[in-house]
Amino acid sequence: MAHPSQLGFQDAASPIMEELLHFHDHTLMAVFLISTLVLYIITIMMTTKLTNTSAMDAQEIEMVWTIMPAIILIVIALPSLRILYLMDEINDPHLTVKAIGHQWYWSYEFTNYEDLMFDSYMLPTQDLSPGQFRLLEVDNRMVIPMESPIRMLISAEDVLHSWAIPSMGIKTDAIPGRLNQTTFIASRPGVYYGQCSEICGANHSFMPIVVEATPLNHFQEWSSSMLET
């Protein structure tokens, strides 16, 4: 959950988000070193009156400033490609959930169950209980078992939407007529908030996403109670 004046990312709640945080720190260090080197060179050029002709026309330095950027790009690209493949890999999901975007709410279908489906609307401010977050709480949370591979099938009924949960490293577009797929694993129990991340009309700001990760026995109790109602 983000908090006021936060500068960094939210705490990772999935293995993929942990990988993304590590990659962010790795890339930021490369950017910091490049910026430091460029600033140093600019400072030297502006503060000295001496000019060395061998530094202005030399094969060695030409090779250095050609090869070094290529090495830096490779160092950044290899971890990036690894994470891209990890995000696309789906191995034997324990649960499949279909999320459909509407103007302006989400509906969920648990395809492993015959009749487990519901709509999820934002709670109005006057209906909030103490401790609940304005514009982020919903009447029906999407409950999932923790430490289990979850496959999300994401689509839309009317216009473009985007199903996004920052703490899990998920952002997948919901496109009418198309079924997009993503996967994640909740590392620990908790309640994770997200919002539609694609401009979808007047009430775009009022269709939040709430995922509640629970132990398996609690999920089974929740699913049984939902099937009975």
C-alpha atoms as a PDB file:
ATOM      1  CA  MET A   1       0.000   0.000   0.000  1.00  0.00           C
ATOM      2  CA  ALA A   2       1.443   3.358  -1.006  1.00  0.00           C
ATOM      3  CA  HIS A   3       1.670   6.151   1.558  1.00  0.00           C
ATOM      4  CA  PRO A   4       1.947   9.953   1.316  1.00  0.00           C
ATOM      5  CA  SER A   5       5.312  11.358   0.158  1.00  0.00           C
ATOM      6  CA  GLN A   6       6.502   7.883  -0.855  1.00  0.00           C
ATOM      7  CA  LEU A   7       9.385   8.079  -3.345  1.00  0.00           C
ATOM      8  CA  GLY A   8      10.050   4.413  -4.110  1.00  0.00           C
ATOM      9  CA  PHE A   9       7.987   1.413  -5.089  1.00  0.00           C
ATOM     10  CA  GLN A  10       5.527  -0.402  -2.879  1.00  0.00           C
ATOM     11  CA  ASP A  11       6.832  -3.431  -0.971  1.00  0.00           C
ATOM     12  CA  ALA A  12       6.948  -6.483  -3.229  1.00  0.00           C
ATOM     13  CA  ALA A  13       4.159  -9.004  -2.655  1.00  0.00           C
ATOM     14  CA  SER A  14       5.141 -11.458  -5.398  1.00  0.00           C
ATOM     15  CA  PRO A  15       8.371 -13.014  -6.714  1.00  0.00           C
ATOM     16  CA  ILE A  16       8.032 -11.125 -10.012  1.00  0.00           C
ATOM     17  CA  MET A  17       7.813  -7.771  -8.231  1.00  0.00           C
ATOM     18  CA  GLU A  18      10.918  -8.649  -6.211  1.00  0.00           C
ATOM     19  CA  GLU A  19      12.760  -9.315  -9.484  1.00  0.00           C
ATOM     20  CA  LEU A  20      11.519  -5.997 -10.897  1.00  0.00           C
ATOM     21  CA  LEU A  21      12.756  -4.119  -7.827  1.00  0.00           C
ATOM     22  CA  HIS A  22      16.179  -5.732  -8.118  1.00  0.00           C
ATOM     23  CA  PHE A  23      16.319  -4.853 -11.819  1.00  0.00           C
ATOM     24  CA  HIS A  24      15.315  -1.258 -11.047  1.00  0.00           C
ATOM     25  CA  ASP A  25      18.144  -0.910  -8.528  1.00  0.00           C
ATOM     26  CA  HIS A  26      20.587  -2.555 -10.953  1.00  0.00           C
ATOM     27  CA  THR A  27      19.649  -0.186 -13.804  1.00  0.00           C
ATOM     28  CA  LEU A  28      19.604   2.857 -11.540  1.00  0.00           C
ATOM     29  CA  MET A  29      23.182   2.119 -10.479  1.00  0.00           C
ATOM     30  CA  ALA A  30      24.264   2.001 -14.141  1.00  0.00           C
ATOM     31  CA  VAL A  31      22.495   5.312 -14.807  1.00  0.00           C
ATOM     32  CA  PHE A  32      24.131   6.844 -11.721  1.00  0.00           C
ATOM     33  CA  LEU A  33      27.621   5.794 -12.832  1.00  0.00           C
ATOM     34  CA  ILE A  34      27.057   7.126 -16.359  1.00  0.00           C
ATOM     35  CA  SER A  35      25.733  10.434 -15.031  1.00  0.00           C
ATOM     36  CA  THR A  36      28.679  10.778 -12.664  1.00  0.00           C
ATOM     37  CA  LEU A  37      31.190  10.145 -15.463  1.00  0.00           C
ATOM     38  CA  VAL A  38      29.519  12.624 -17.826  1.00  0.00           C
ATOM     39  CA  LEU A  39      29.312  15.283 -15.100  1.00  0.00           C
ATOM     40  CA  TYR A  40      32.993  14.760 -14.285  1.00  0.00           C
ATOM     41  CA  ILE A  41      34.030  15.148 -17.944  1.00  0.00           C
ATOM     42  CA  ILE A  42      31.915  18.299 -18.370  1.00  0.00           C
ATOM     43  CA  THR A  43      33.377  19.790 -15.185  1.00  0.00           C
ATOM     44  CA  ILE A  44      36.951  19.070 -16.317  1.00  0.00           C
ATOM     45  CA  MET A  45      36.330  20.590 -19.754  1.00  0.00           C
ATOM     46  CA  MET A  46      34.842  23.758 -18.252  1.00  0.00           C
ATOM     47  CA  THR A  47      37.472  24.288 -15.562  1.00  0.00           C
ATOM     48  CA  THR A  48      40.744  23.601 -17.404  1.00  0.00           C
ATOM     49  CA  LYS A  49      42.331  25.678 -20.168  1.00  0.00           C
ATOM     50  CA  LEU A  50      44.717  22.940 -21.242  1.00  0.00           C
ATOM     51  CA  THR A  51      43.959  20.959 -24.391  1.00  0.00           C
ATOM     52  CA  ASN A  52      45.576  17.616 -25.144  1.00  0.00           C
ATOM     53  CA  THR A  53      45.573  16.834 -28.845  1.00  0.00           C
ATOM     54  CA  SER A  54      45.966  13.112 -28.222  1.00  0.00           C
ATOM     55  CA  ALA A  55      42.656  13.096 -26.327  1.00  0.00           C
ATOM     56  CA  MET A  56      40.872  14.812 -29.210  1.00  0.00           C
ATOM     57  CA  ASP A  57      42.098  12.503 -31.986  1.00  0.00           C
ATOM     58  CA  ALA A  58      43.093   9.026 -30.874  1.00  0.00           C
ATOM     59  CA  GLN A  59      42.030   5.534 -31.959  1.00  0.00           C
ATOM     60  CA  GLU A  60      42.212   4.177 -28.420  1.00  0.00           C
ATOM     61  CA  ILE A  61      39.671   6.567 -26.914  1.00  0.00           C
ATOM     62  CA  GLU A  62      37.409   6.092 -29.946  1.00  0.00           C
ATOM     63  CA  MET A  63      37.342   2.369 -29.223  1.00  0.00           C
ATOM     64  CA  VAL A  64      36.670   2.951 -25.527  1.00  0.00           C
ATOM     65  CA  TRP A  65      33.643   5.177 -25.993  1.00  0.00           C
ATOM     66  CA  THR A  66      32.267   2.827 -28.637  1.00  0.00           C
ATOM     67  CA  ILE A  67      32.713  -0.438 -26.739  1.00  0.00           C
ATOM     68  CA  MET A  68      31.771   0.799 -23.253  1.00  0.00           C
ATOM     69  CA  PRO A  69      28.169   1.796 -24.150  1.00  0.00           C
ATOM     70  CA  ALA A  70      27.685  -1.589 -25.848  1.00  0.00           C
ATOM     71  CA  ILE A  71      28.845  -3.394 -22.698  1.00  0.00           C
ATOM     72  CA  ILE A  72      26.541  -1.269 -20.521  1.00  0.00           C
ATOM     73  CA  LEU A  73      23.564  -2.043 -22.788  1.00  0.00           C
ATOM     74  CA  ILE A  74      24.283  -5.778 -22.594  1.00  0.00           C
ATOM     75  CA  VAL A  75      24.565  -5.618 -18.792  1.00  0.00           C
ATOM     76  CA  ILE A  76      21.119  -3.962 -18.673  1.00  0.00           C
ATOM     77  CA  ALA A  77      19.473  -6.055 -21.402  1.00  0.00           C
ATOM     78  CA  LEU A  78      20.275  -9.561 -20.125  1.00  0.00           C
ATOM     79  CA  PRO A  79      18.488  -9.228 -16.748  1.00  0.00           C
ATOM     80  CA  SER A  80      15.608  -7.461 -18.510  1.00  0.00           C
ATOM     81  CA  LEU A  81      15.093 -10.344 -20.952  1.00  0.00           C
ATOM     82  CA  ARG A  82      15.224 -12.847 -18.089  1.00  0.00           C
ATOM     83  CA  ILE A  83      12.413 -11.041 -16.251  1.00  0.00           C
ATOM     84  CA  LEU A  84      10.327 -10.766 -19.433  1.00  0.00           C
ATOM     85  CA  TYR A  85      10.477 -14.521 -19.906  1.00  0.00           C
ATOM     86  CA  LEU A  86       9.667 -15.115 -16.221  1.00  0.00           C
ATOM     87  CA  MET A  87       6.577 -12.903 -16.503  1.00  0.00           C
ATOM     88  CA  ASP A  88       5.290 -14.852 -19.513  1.00  0.00           C
ATOM     89  CA  GLU A  89       5.912 -18.310 -18.083  1.00  0.00           C
ATOM     90  CA  ILE A  90       2.891 -20.148 -16.688  1.00  0.00           C
ATOM     91  CA  ASN A  91       3.436 -23.535 -15.060  1.00  0.00           C
ATOM     92  CA  ASP A  92       0.440 -25.533 -13.823  1.00  0.00           C
ATOM     93  CA  PRO A  93      -1.687 -22.738 -12.249  1.00  0.00           C
ATOM     94  CA  HIS A  94      -3.690 -23.822  -9.204  1.00  0.00           C
ATOM     95  CA  LEU A  95      -6.474 -21.324  -9.885  1.00  0.00           C
ATOM     96  CA  THR A  96      -7.719 -19.432 -12.935  1.00  0.00           C
ATOM     97  CA  VAL A  97      -9.633 -16.169 -12.500  1.00  0.00           C
ATOM     98  CA  LYS A  98     -11.224 -14.228 -15.334  1.00  0.00           C
ATOM     99  CA  ALA A  99     -11.465 -10.451 -14.780  1.00  0.00           C
ATOM    100  CA  ILE A 100     -13.754  -8.467 -17.072  1.00  0.00           C
ATOM    101  CA  GLY A 101     -13.695  -4.677 -17.108  1.00  0.00           C
ATOM    102  CA  HIS A 102     -16.914  -2.685 -17.411  1.00  0.00           C
ATOM    103  CA  GLN A 103     -17.781   0.993 -17.195  1.00  0.00           C
ATOM    104  CA  TRP A 104     -17.075   1.304 -14.292  1.00  0.00           C
ATOM    105  CA  TYR A 105     -16.588  -1.855 -12.260  1.00  0.00           C
ATOM    106  CA  TRP A 106     -14.899  -5.241 -12.464  1.00  0.00           C
ATOM    107  CA  SER A 107     -16.501  -8.665 -12.614  1.00  0.00           C
ATOM    108  CA  TYR A 108     -14.678 -11.858 -11.656  1.00  0.00           C
ATOM    109  CA  GLU A 109     -15.259 -15.473 -12.685  1.00  0.00           C
ATOM    110  CA  PHE A 110     -13.428 -18.312 -10.931  1.00  0.00           C
ATOM    111  CA  THR A 111     -13.303 -20.800 -13.787  1.00  0.00           C
ATOM    112  CA  ASN A 112     -12.304 -23.747 -11.555  1.00  0.00           C
ATOM    113  CA  TYR A 113     -15.756 -23.465  -9.950  1.00  0.00           C
ATOM    114  CA  GLU A 114     -19.063 -23.821 -11.719  1.00  0.00           C
ATOM    115  CA  ASP A 115     -20.976 -20.845 -10.317  1.00  0.00           C
ATOM    116  CA  LEU A 116     -18.415 -18.671  -8.529  1.00  0.00           C
ATOM    117  CA  MET A 117     -18.683 -15.231 -10.120  1.00  0.00           C
ATOM    118  CA  PHE A 118     -19.457 -11.753  -8.813  1.00  0.00           C
ATOM    119  CA  ASP A 119     -19.202  -8.038  -9.558  1.00  0.00           C
ATOM    120  CA  SER A 120     -16.872  -5.721  -7.661  1.00  0.00           C
ATOM    121  CA  TYR A 121     -17.943  -2.083  -7.217  1.00  0.00           C
ATOM    122  CA  MET A 122     -16.164   0.712  -5.384  1.00  0.00           C
ATOM    123  CA  LEU A 123     -17.618   1.456  -1.956  1.00  0.00           C
ATOM    124  CA  PRO A 124     -19.051   4.984  -1.679  1.00  0.00           C
ATOM    125  CA  THR A 125     -17.382   7.214   0.891  1.00  0.00           C
ATOM    126  CA  GLN A 126     -20.432   7.228   3.170  1.00  0.00           C
ATOM    127  CA  ASP A 127     -20.381   3.393   3.379  1.00  0.00           C
ATOM    128  CA  LEU A 128     -16.737   3.053   4.429  1.00  0.00           C
ATOM    129  CA  SER A 129     -15.875   1.487   7.780  1.00  0.00           C
ATOM    130  CA  PRO A 130     -13.062   2.864   9.973  1.00  0.00           C
ATOM    131  CA  GLY A 131      -9.703   1.839   8.516  1.00  0.00           C
ATOM    132  CA  GLN A 132     -10.940   1.403   4.958  1.00  0.00           C
ATOM    133  CA  PHE A 133      -9.420   3.482   2.177  1.00  0.00           C
ATOM    134  CA  ARG A 134     -11.428   6.009   0.216  1.00  0.00           C
ATOM    135  CA  LEU A 135     -11.643   5.319  -3.545  1.00  0.00           C
ATOM    136  CA  LEU A 136      -9.805   1.990  -3.066  1.00  0.00           C
ATOM    137  CA  GLU A 137     -12.200  -0.264  -1.154  1.00  0.00           C
ATOM    138  CA  VAL A 138     -14.731  -2.497  -2.938  1.00  0.00           C
ATOM    139  CA  ASP A 139     -17.838  -4.383  -1.894  1.00  0.00           C
ATOM    140  CA  ASN A 140     -16.498  -7.780  -3.099  1.00  0.00           C
ATOM    141  CA  ARG A 141     -12.789  -8.507  -2.913  1.00  0.00           C
ATOM    142  CA  MET A 142     -11.076 -11.032  -5.151  1.00  0.00           C
ATOM    143  CA  VAL A 143      -9.856 -13.643  -2.668  1.00  0.00           C
ATOM    144  CA  ILE A 144      -7.017 -15.979  -3.665  1.00  0.00           C
ATOM    145  CA  PRO A 145      -4.868 -18.574  -1.872  1.00  0.00           C
ATOM    146  CA  MET A 146      -1.369 -17.396  -1.020  1.00  0.00           C
ATOM    147  CA  GLU A 147       1.750 -19.159  -2.333  1.00  0.00           C
ATOM    148  CA  SER A 148      -0.234 -20.638  -5.222  1.00  0.00           C
ATOM    149  CA  PRO A 149       0.247 -19.868  -8.938  1.00  0.00           C
ATOM    150  CA  ILE A 150      -2.749 -17.823 -10.102  1.00  0.00           C
ATOM    151  CA  ARG A 151      -3.582 -17.349 -13.778  1.00  0.00           C
ATOM    152  CA  MET A 152      -5.513 -14.206 -14.682  1.00  0.00           C
ATOM    153  CA  LEU A 153      -7.541 -14.005 -17.887  1.00  0.00           C
ATOM    154  CA  ILE A 154      -8.327 -10.350 -18.518  1.00  0.00           C
ATOM    155  CA  SER A 155     -10.783  -8.829 -20.984  1.00  0.00           C
ATOM    156  CA  ALA A 156     -13.276  -5.962 -21.248  1.00  0.00           C
ATOM    157  CA  GLU A 157     -16.908  -5.658 -22.263  1.00  0.00           C
ATOM    158  CA  ASP A 158     -17.062  -2.063 -23.527  1.00  0.00           C
ATOM    159  CA  VAL A 159     -13.886   0.061 -23.736  1.00  0.00           C
ATOM    160  CA  LEU A 160     -10.194  -0.346 -22.930  1.00  0.00           C
ATOM    161  CA  HIS A 161      -9.361  -0.960 -19.266  1.00  0.00           C
ATOM    162  CA  SER A 162      -6.194  -2.119 -17.500  1.00  0.00           C
ATOM    163  CA  TRP A 163      -6.015  -4.514 -14.536  1.00  0.00           C
ATOM    164  CA  ALA A 164      -3.090  -3.345 -12.400  1.00  0.00           C
ATOM    165  CA  ILE A 165      -1.762  -4.131  -8.912  1.00  0.00           C
ATOM    166  CA  PRO A 166       1.580  -2.343  -8.316  1.00  0.00           C
ATOM    167  CA  SER A 167       2.711  -4.400  -5.307  1.00  0.00           C
ATOM    168  CA  MET A 168       2.447  -7.608  -7.373  1.00  0.00           C
ATOM    169  CA  GLY A 169       4.046  -6.204 -10.497  1.00  0.00           C
ATOM    170  CA  ILE A 170       0.919  -6.712 -12.612  1.00  0.00           C
ATOM    171  CA  LYS A 171      -0.444  -4.424 -15.303  1.00  0.00           C
ATOM    172  CA  THR A 172      -2.381  -6.086 -18.126  1.00  0.00           C
ATOM    173  CA  ASP A 173      -4.658  -4.336 -20.602  1.00  0.00           C
ATOM    174  CA  ALA A 174      -8.307  -5.398 -20.780  1.00  0.00           C
ATOM    175  CA  ILE A 175      -9.325  -5.182 -24.448  1.00  0.00           C
ATOM    176  CA  PRO A 176     -12.836  -5.884 -25.797  1.00  0.00           C
ATOM    177  CA  GLY A 177     -12.839  -9.030 -27.918  1.00  0.00           C
ATOM    178  CA  ARG A 178      -9.425 -10.152 -26.712  1.00  0.00           C
ATOM    179  CA  LEU A 179      -8.355 -12.349 -23.801  1.00  0.00           C
ATOM    180  CA  ASN A 180      -5.011 -11.377 -22.249  1.00  0.00           C
ATOM    181  CA  GLN A 181      -3.224 -13.628 -19.800  1.00  0.00           C
ATOM    182  CA  THR A 182      -0.882 -13.062 -16.882  1.00  0.00           C
ATOM    183  CA  THR A 183       0.201 -14.966 -13.812  1.00  0.00           C
ATOM    184  CA  PHE A 184       1.355 -14.184 -10.287  1.00  0.00           C
ATOM    185  CA  ILE A 185       1.977 -15.721  -6.876  1.00  0.00           C
ATOM    186  CA  ALA A 186       1.095 -13.911  -3.662  1.00  0.00           C
ATOM    187  CA  SER A 187       4.122 -14.341  -1.395  1.00  0.00           C
ATOM    188  CA  ARG A 188       2.322 -13.572   1.847  1.00  0.00           C
ATOM    189  CA  PRO A 189      -1.197 -12.986   3.180  1.00  0.00           C
ATOM    190  CA  GLY A 190      -2.542  -9.473   2.897  1.00  0.00           C
ATOM    191  CA  VAL A 191      -4.820  -7.065   1.060  1.00  0.00           C
ATOM    192  CA  TYR A 192      -3.406  -5.525  -2.099  1.00  0.00           C
ATOM    193  CA  TYR A 193      -4.892  -2.539  -3.892  1.00  0.00           C
ATOM    194  CA  GLY A 194      -4.831  -1.459  -7.507  1.00  0.00           C
ATOM    195  CA  GLN A 195      -6.812   0.640  -9.950  1.00  0.00           C
ATOM    196  CA  CYS A 196      -7.764   0.685 -13.594  1.00  0.00           C
ATOM    197  CA  SER A 197      -4.694   2.078 -15.377  1.00  0.00           C
ATOM    198  CA  GLU A 198      -6.221   2.942 -18.737  1.00  0.00           C
ATOM    199  CA  ILE A 199      -8.372   6.035 -19.319  1.00  0.00           C
ATOM    200  CA  CYS A 200     -11.816   4.508 -19.781  1.00  0.00           C
ATOM    201  CA  GLY A 201     -14.317   7.335 -19.370  1.00  0.00           C
ATOM    202  CA  ALA A 202     -15.836   9.693 -16.837  1.00  0.00           C
ATOM    203  CA  ASN A 203     -15.565   7.344 -13.845  1.00  0.00           C
ATOM    204  CA  HIS A 204     -12.161   5.904 -14.675  1.00  0.00           C
ATOM    205  CA  SER A 205     -10.937   6.860 -11.181  1.00  0.00           C
ATOM    206  CA  PHE A 206     -13.713   4.918  -9.476  1.00  0.00           C
ATOM    207  CA  MET A 207     -13.107   1.267 -10.392  1.00  0.00           C
ATOM    208  CA  PRO A 208     -10.487   0.013  -7.912  1.00  0.00           C
ATOM    209  CA  ILE A 209      -9.101  -3.513  -7.655  1.00  0.00           C
ATOM    210  CA  VAL A 210      -8.701  -5.301  -4.323  1.00  0.00           C
ATOM    211  CA  VAL A 211      -6.996  -8.699  -4.036  1.00  0.00           C
ATOM    212  CA  GLU A 212      -6.997 -10.487  -0.693  1.00  0.00           C
ATOM    213  CA  ALA A 213      -4.435 -13.272  -0.298  1.00  0.00           C
ATOM    214  CA  THR A 214      -5.285 -15.790   2.407  1.00  0.00           C
ATOM    215  CA  PRO A 215      -4.121 -19.247   3.527  1.00  0.00           C
ATOM    216  CA  LEU A 216      -5.636 -22.106   1.542  1.00  0.00           C
ATOM    217  CA  ASN A 217      -8.088 -23.206   4.252  1.00  0.00           C
ATOM    218  CA  HIS A 218      -9.472 -19.658   4.537  1.00  0.00           C
ATOM    219  CA  PHE A 219      -9.854 -19.486   0.759  1.00  0.00           C
ATOM    220  CA  GLN A 220     -11.785 -22.753   0.770  1.00  0.00           C
ATOM    221  CA  GLU A 221     -14.106 -21.410   3.455  1.00  0.00           C
ATOM    222  CA  TRP A 222     -14.648 -18.188   1.469  1.00  0.00           C
ATOM    223  CA  SER A 223     -15.353 -20.030  -1.777  1.00  0.00           C
ATOM    224  CA  SER A 224     -17.827 -22.342  -0.033  1.00  0.00           C
ATOM    225  CA  SER A 225     -19.667 -19.382   1.498  1.00  0.00           C
ATOM    226  CA  MET A 226     -19.786 -17.599  -1.891  1.00  0.00           C
ATOM    227  CA  LEU A 227     -21.192 -20.692  -3.592  1.00  0.00           C
ATOM    228  CA  GLU A 228     -23.930 -20.993  -0.954  1.00  0.00           C
ATOM    229  CA  THR A 229     -25.147 -17.390  -1.441  1.00  0.00           C
END
